[in-house]
């Protein structure tokens, strides 16, 4: 893996953990990969919104 990584403990409600397990199985990914994809999608959405907001005020 070319990126640096950092391991940390994540505490989530059981309901969310169950949902995560189901989604990961449906998508044939690990639960870790499912979390990373969700975070990446949110990061990209927020960056896009901030860029659009900046363009609107320019």
PDB file of N, CA and C in Angstrom:
ATOM      1  N   UNK A   1       0.845  -1.178   0.000  1.00  0.00           N
ATOM      2  CA  UNK A   1       0.000   0.000   0.000  1.00  0.00           C
ATOM      3  C   UNK A   1       0.887   1.237   0.000  1.00  0.00           C
ATOM      4  N   UNK A   2       0.601   2.157  -0.909  1.00  0.00           N
ATOM      5  CA  UNK A   2       1.456   3.322  -1.054  1.00  0.00           C
ATOM      6  C   UNK A   2       1.124   4.446  -0.069  1.00  0.00           C
ATOM      7  N   UNK A   3      -0.100   4.472   0.409  1.00  0.00           N
ATOM      8  CA  UNK A   3      -0.495   5.508   1.356  1.00  0.00           C
ATOM      9  C   UNK A   3      -0.066   5.132   2.767  1.00  0.00           C
ATOM     10  N   UNK A   4       0.232   6.159   3.563  1.00  0.00           N
ATOM     11  CA  UNK A   4       0.460   5.907   4.981  1.00  0.00           C
ATOM     12  C   UNK A   4      -0.887   5.610   5.619  1.00  0.00           C
ATOM     13  N   UNK A   5      -0.895   4.727   6.568  1.00  0.00           N
ATOM     14  CA  UNK A   5      -2.133   4.399   7.265  1.00  0.00           C
ATOM     15  C   UNK A   5      -1.929   4.528   8.766  1.00  0.00           C
ATOM     16  N   UNK A   6      -3.029   4.693   9.461  1.00  0.00           N
ATOM     17  CA  UNK A   6      -3.015   4.786  10.919  1.00  0.00           C
ATOM     18  C   UNK A   6      -4.173   3.965  11.442  1.00  0.00           C
ATOM     19  N   UNK A   7      -3.890   3.065  12.323  1.00  0.00           N
ATOM     20  CA  UNK A   7      -4.915   2.229  12.916  1.00  0.00           C
ATOM     21  C   UNK A   7      -5.458   2.911  14.170  1.00  0.00           C
ATOM     22  N   UNK A   8      -6.784   2.823  14.372  1.00  0.00           N
ATOM     23  CA  UNK A   8      -7.373   3.348  15.598  1.00  0.00           C
ATOM     24  C   UNK A   8      -8.633   2.579  15.940  1.00  0.00           C
ATOM     25  N   UNK A   9      -9.026   2.669  17.168  1.00  0.00           N
ATOM     26  CA  UNK A   9     -10.216   1.972  17.638  1.00  0.00           C
ATOM     27  C   UNK A   9     -11.449   2.808  17.320  1.00  0.00           C
ATOM     28  N   UNK A  10     -12.473   2.160  16.794  1.00  0.00           N
ATOM     29  CA  UNK A  10     -13.723   2.828  16.459  1.00  0.00           C
ATOM     30  C   UNK A  10     -14.836   2.191  17.283  1.00  0.00           C
ATOM     31  N   UNK A  11     -15.562   2.997  18.003  1.00  0.00           N
ATOM     32  CA  UNK A  11     -16.680   2.508  18.810  1.00  0.00           C
ATOM     33  C   UNK A  11     -17.959   2.993  18.152  1.00  0.00           C
ATOM     34  N   UNK A  12     -18.814   2.040  17.728  1.00  0.00           N
ATOM     35  CA  UNK A  12     -20.064   2.393  17.064  1.00  0.00           C
ATOM     36  C   UNK A  12     -21.211   1.594  17.682  1.00  0.00           C
ATOM     37  N   UNK A  13     -22.412   2.112  17.580  1.00  0.00           N
ATOM     38  CA  UNK A  13     -23.568   1.381  18.106  1.00  0.00           C
ATOM     39  C   UNK A  13     -23.743   0.044  17.375  1.00  0.00           C
ATOM     40  N   UNK A  14     -24.264  -0.933  18.085  1.00  0.00           N
ATOM     41  CA  UNK A  14     -24.457  -2.272  17.537  1.00  0.00           C
ATOM     42  C   UNK A  14     -25.309  -2.248  16.271  1.00  0.00           C
ATOM     43  N   UNK A  15     -26.348  -1.432  16.244  1.00  0.00           N
ATOM     44  CA  UNK A  15     -27.212  -1.334  15.065  1.00  0.00           C
ATOM     45  C   UNK A  15     -26.407  -0.911  13.830  1.00  0.00           C
ATOM     46  N   UNK A  16     -25.498   0.045  14.009  1.00  0.00           N
ATOM     47  CA  UNK A  16     -24.668   0.492  12.893  1.00  0.00           C
ATOM     48  C   UNK A  16     -23.682  -0.586  12.482  1.00  0.00           C
ATOM     49  N   UNK A  17     -23.154  -1.316  13.435  1.00  0.00           N
ATOM     50  CA  UNK A  17     -22.209  -2.410  13.145  1.00  0.00           C
ATOM     51  C   UNK A  17     -22.896  -3.496  12.340  1.00  0.00           C
ATOM     52  N   UNK A  18     -24.114  -3.822  12.702  1.00  0.00           N
ATOM     53  CA  UNK A  18     -24.867  -4.834  11.947  1.00  0.00           C
ATOM     54  C   UNK A  18     -25.119  -4.362  10.528  1.00  0.00           C
ATOM     55  N   UNK A  19     -25.530  -3.103  10.381  1.00  0.00           N
ATOM     56  CA  UNK A  19     -25.777  -2.543   9.058  1.00  0.00           C
ATOM     57  C   UNK A  19     -24.504  -2.568   8.224  1.00  0.00           C
ATOM     58  N   UNK A  20     -23.392  -2.194   8.841  1.00  0.00           N
ATOM     59  CA  UNK A  20     -22.101  -2.191   8.163  1.00  0.00           C
ATOM     60  C   UNK A  20     -21.742  -3.587   7.668  1.00  0.00           C
ATOM     61  N   UNK A  21     -21.945  -4.583   8.496  1.00  0.00           N
ATOM     62  CA  UNK A  21     -21.638  -5.962   8.114  1.00  0.00           C
ATOM     63  C   UNK A  21     -22.481  -6.390   6.914  1.00  0.00           C
ATOM     64  N   UNK A  22     -23.739  -6.022   6.916  1.00  0.00           N
ATOM     65  CA  UNK A  22     -24.639  -6.368   5.802  1.00  0.00           C
ATOM     66  C   UNK A  22     -24.184  -5.675   4.522  1.00  0.00           C
ATOM     67  N   UNK A  23     -23.906  -4.382   4.609  1.00  0.00           N
ATOM     68  CA  UNK A  23     -23.476  -3.636   3.429  1.00  0.00           C
ATOM     69  C   UNK A  23     -22.162  -4.177   2.875  1.00  0.00           C
ATOM     70  N   UNK A  24     -21.230  -4.479   3.752  1.00  0.00           N
ATOM     71  CA  UNK A  24     -19.942  -5.011   3.310  1.00  0.00           C
ATOM     72  C   UNK A  24     -20.133  -6.347   2.592  1.00  0.00           C
ATOM     73  N   UNK A  25     -20.978  -7.197   3.135  1.00  0.00           N
ATOM     74  CA  UNK A  25     -21.236  -8.488   2.501  1.00  0.00           C
ATOM     75  C   UNK A  25     -21.901  -8.300   1.138  1.00  0.00           C
ATOM     76  N   UNK A  26     -22.887  -7.411   1.059  1.00  0.00           N
ATOM     77  CA  UNK A  26     -23.572  -7.136  -0.214  1.00  0.00           C
ATOM     78  C   UNK A  26     -22.597  -6.655  -1.279  1.00  0.00           C
ATOM     79  N   UNK A  27     -21.640  -5.832  -0.862  1.00  0.00           N
ATOM     80  CA  UNK A  27     -20.688  -5.230  -1.801  1.00  0.00           C
ATOM     81  C   UNK A  27     -19.397  -6.030  -1.940  1.00  0.00           C
ATOM     82  N   UNK A  28     -19.357  -7.169  -1.270  1.00  0.00           N
ATOM     83  CA  UNK A  28     -18.179  -8.055  -1.302  1.00  0.00           C
ATOM     84  C   UNK A  28     -16.891  -7.302  -0.937  1.00  0.00           C
ATOM     85  N   UNK A  29     -16.988  -6.549   0.149  1.00  0.00           N
ATOM     86  CA  UNK A  29     -15.854  -5.799   0.671  1.00  0.00           C
ATOM     87  C   UNK A  29     -15.712  -6.079   2.159  1.00  0.00           C
ATOM     88  N   UNK A  30     -14.571  -5.731   2.695  1.00  0.00           N
ATOM     89  CA  UNK A  30     -14.402  -5.814   4.138  1.00  0.00           C
ATOM     90  C   UNK A  30     -15.171  -4.661   4.780  1.00  0.00           C
ATOM     91  N   UNK A  31     -15.440  -4.787   6.057  1.00  0.00           N
ATOM     92  CA  UNK A  31     -16.106  -3.701   6.765  1.00  0.00           C
ATOM     93  C   UNK A  31     -15.198  -2.475   6.793  1.00  0.00           C
ATOM     94  N   UNK A  32     -13.914  -2.677   6.906  1.00  0.00           N
ATOM     95  CA  UNK A  32     -12.974  -1.569   6.875  1.00  0.00           C
ATOM     96  C   UNK A  32     -13.065  -0.825   5.544  1.00  0.00           C
ATOM     97  N   UNK A  33     -13.074  -1.550   4.443  1.00  0.00           N
ATOM     98  CA  UNK A  33     -13.180  -0.930   3.125  1.00  0.00           C
ATOM     99  C   UNK A  33     -14.491  -0.167   2.993  1.00  0.00           C
ATOM    100  N   UNK A  34     -15.552  -0.714   3.529  1.00  0.00           N
ATOM    101  CA  UNK A  34     -16.857  -0.055   3.467  1.00  0.00           C
ATOM    102  C   UNK A  34     -16.815   1.287   4.214  1.00  0.00           C
ATOM    103  N   UNK A  35     -16.175   1.314   5.362  1.00  0.00           N
ATOM    104  CA  UNK A  35     -16.030   2.554   6.133  1.00  0.00           C
ATOM    105  C   UNK A  35     -15.196   3.573   5.357  1.00  0.00           C
ATOM    106  N   UNK A  36     -14.091   3.120   4.781  1.00  0.00           N
ATOM    107  CA  UNK A  36     -13.225   4.031   4.033  1.00  0.00           C
ATOM    108  C   UNK A  36     -13.947   4.628   2.832  1.00  0.00           C
ATOM    109  N   UNK A  37     -14.728   3.832   2.141  1.00  0.00           N
ATOM    110  CA  UNK A  37     -15.484   4.340   0.992  1.00  0.00           C
ATOM    111  C   UNK A  37     -16.493   5.387   1.445  1.00  0.00           C
ATOM    112  N   UNK A  38     -17.183   5.122   2.543  1.00  0.00           N
ATOM    113  CA  UNK A  38     -18.169   6.079   3.059  1.00  0.00           C
ATOM    114  C   UNK A  38     -17.497   7.401   3.435  1.00  0.00           C
ATOM    115  N   UNK A  39     -16.349   7.327   4.075  1.00  0.00           N
ATOM    116  CA  UNK A  39     -15.633   8.547   4.457  1.00  0.00           C
ATOM    117  C   UNK A  39     -15.152   9.288   3.221  1.00  0.00           C
ATOM    118  N   UNK A  40     -14.592   8.551   2.265  1.00  0.00           N
ATOM    119  CA  UNK A  40     -14.095   9.179   1.032  1.00  0.00           C
ATOM    120  C   UNK A  40     -15.236   9.878   0.277  1.00  0.00           C
ATOM    121  N   UNK A  41     -16.388   9.218   0.170  1.00  0.00           N
ATOM    122  CA  UNK A  41     -17.535   9.817  -0.506  1.00  0.00           C
ATOM    123  C   UNK A  41     -17.968  11.108   0.189  1.00  0.00           C
ATOM    124  N   UNK A  42     -17.977  11.100   1.501  1.00  0.00           N
ATOM    125  CA  UNK A  42     -18.362  12.317   2.239  1.00  0.00           C
ATOM    126  C   UNK A  42     -17.339  13.417   2.048  1.00  0.00           C
ATOM    127  N   UNK A  43     -16.059  13.060   2.092  1.00  0.00           N
ATOM    128  CA  UNK A  43     -15.002  14.053   1.870  1.00  0.00           C
ATOM    129  C   UNK A  43     -15.166  14.712   0.507  1.00  0.00           C
ATOM    130  N   UNK A  44     -15.390  13.892  -0.522  1.00  0.00           N
ATOM    131  CA  UNK A  44     -15.533  14.419  -1.878  1.00  0.00           C
ATOM    132  C   UNK A  44     -16.781  15.295  -2.002  1.00  0.00           C
ATOM    133  N   UNK A  45     -17.875  14.879  -1.361  1.00  0.00           N
ATOM    134  CA  UNK A  45     -19.102  15.669  -1.419  1.00  0.00           C
ATOM    135  C   UNK A  45     -18.905  17.036  -0.760  1.00  0.00           C
ATOM    136  N   UNK A  46     -18.276  17.051   0.407  1.00  0.00           N
ATOM    137  CA  UNK A  46     -18.052  18.311   1.120  1.00  0.00           C
ATOM    138  C   UNK A  46     -17.107  19.210   0.328  1.00  0.00           C
ATOM    139  N   UNK A  47     -16.038  18.630  -0.244  1.00  0.00           N
ATOM    140  CA  UNK A  47     -15.113  19.425  -1.045  1.00  0.00           C
ATOM    141  C   UNK A  47     -15.825  20.020  -2.261  1.00  0.00           C
ATOM    142  N   UNK A  48     -16.679  19.240  -2.913  1.00  0.00           N
ATOM    143  CA  UNK A  48     -17.435  19.714  -4.079  1.00  0.00           C
ATOM    144  C   UNK A  48     -18.378  20.845  -3.674  1.00  0.00           C
ATOM    145  N   UNK A  49     -19.083  20.667  -2.540  1.00  0.00           N
ATOM    146  CA  UNK A  49     -20.005  21.698  -2.063  1.00  0.00           C
ATOM    147  C   UNK A  49     -19.265  22.979  -1.717  1.00  0.00           C
ATOM    148  N   UNK A  50     -18.106  22.852  -1.078  1.00  0.00           N
ATOM    149  CA  UNK A  50     -17.325  24.039  -0.722  1.00  0.00           C
ATOM    150  C   UNK A  50     -16.818  24.756  -1.970  1.00  0.00           C
ATOM    151  N   UNK A  51     -16.425  23.976  -2.976  1.00  0.00           N
ATOM    152  CA  UNK A  51     -15.957  24.568  -4.225  1.00  0.00           C
ATOM    153  C   UNK A  51     -17.108  25.301  -4.915  1.00  0.00           C
ATOM    154  N   UNK A  52     -18.275  24.668  -4.976  1.00  0.00           N
ATOM    155  CA  UNK A  52     -19.437  25.295  -5.597  1.00  0.00           C
ATOM    156  C   UNK A  52     -19.857  26.553  -4.847  1.00  0.00           C
ATOM    157  N   UNK A  53     -19.778  26.507  -3.533  1.00  0.00           N
ATOM    158  CA  UNK A  53     -20.126  27.674  -2.720  1.00  0.00           C
ATOM    159  C   UNK A  53     -19.148  28.813  -2.984  1.00  0.00           C
ATOM    160  N   UNK A  54     -17.868  28.470  -3.120  1.00  0.00           N
ATOM    161  CA  UNK A  54     -16.841  29.474  -3.410  1.00  0.00           C
ATOM    162  C   UNK A  54     -17.042  30.099  -4.777  1.00  0.00           C
ATOM    163  N   UNK A  55     -17.430  29.279  -5.750  1.00  0.00           N
ATOM    164  CA  UNK A  55     -17.665  29.789  -7.099  1.00  0.00           C
ATOM    165  C   UNK A  55     -18.903  30.678  -7.138  1.00  0.00           C
ATOM    166  N   UNK A  56     -19.889  30.372  -6.316  1.00  0.00           N
ATOM    167  CA  UNK A  56     -21.119  31.148  -6.286  1.00  0.00           C
ATOM    168  C   UNK A  56     -20.889  32.539  -5.698  1.00  0.00           C
ATOM    169  N   UNK A  57     -19.950  32.661  -4.787  1.00  0.00           N
ATOM    170  CA  UNK A  57     -19.694  33.960  -4.149  1.00  0.00           C
ATOM    171  C   UNK A  57     -18.661  34.774  -4.911  1.00  0.00           C
ATOM    172  N   UNK A  58     -18.004  34.153  -5.881  1.00  0.00           N
ATOM    173  CA  UNK A  58     -16.957  34.861  -6.650  1.00  0.00           C
ATOM    174  C   UNK A  58     -17.532  35.718  -7.738  1.00  0.00           C
TER     175      UNK A  58
END
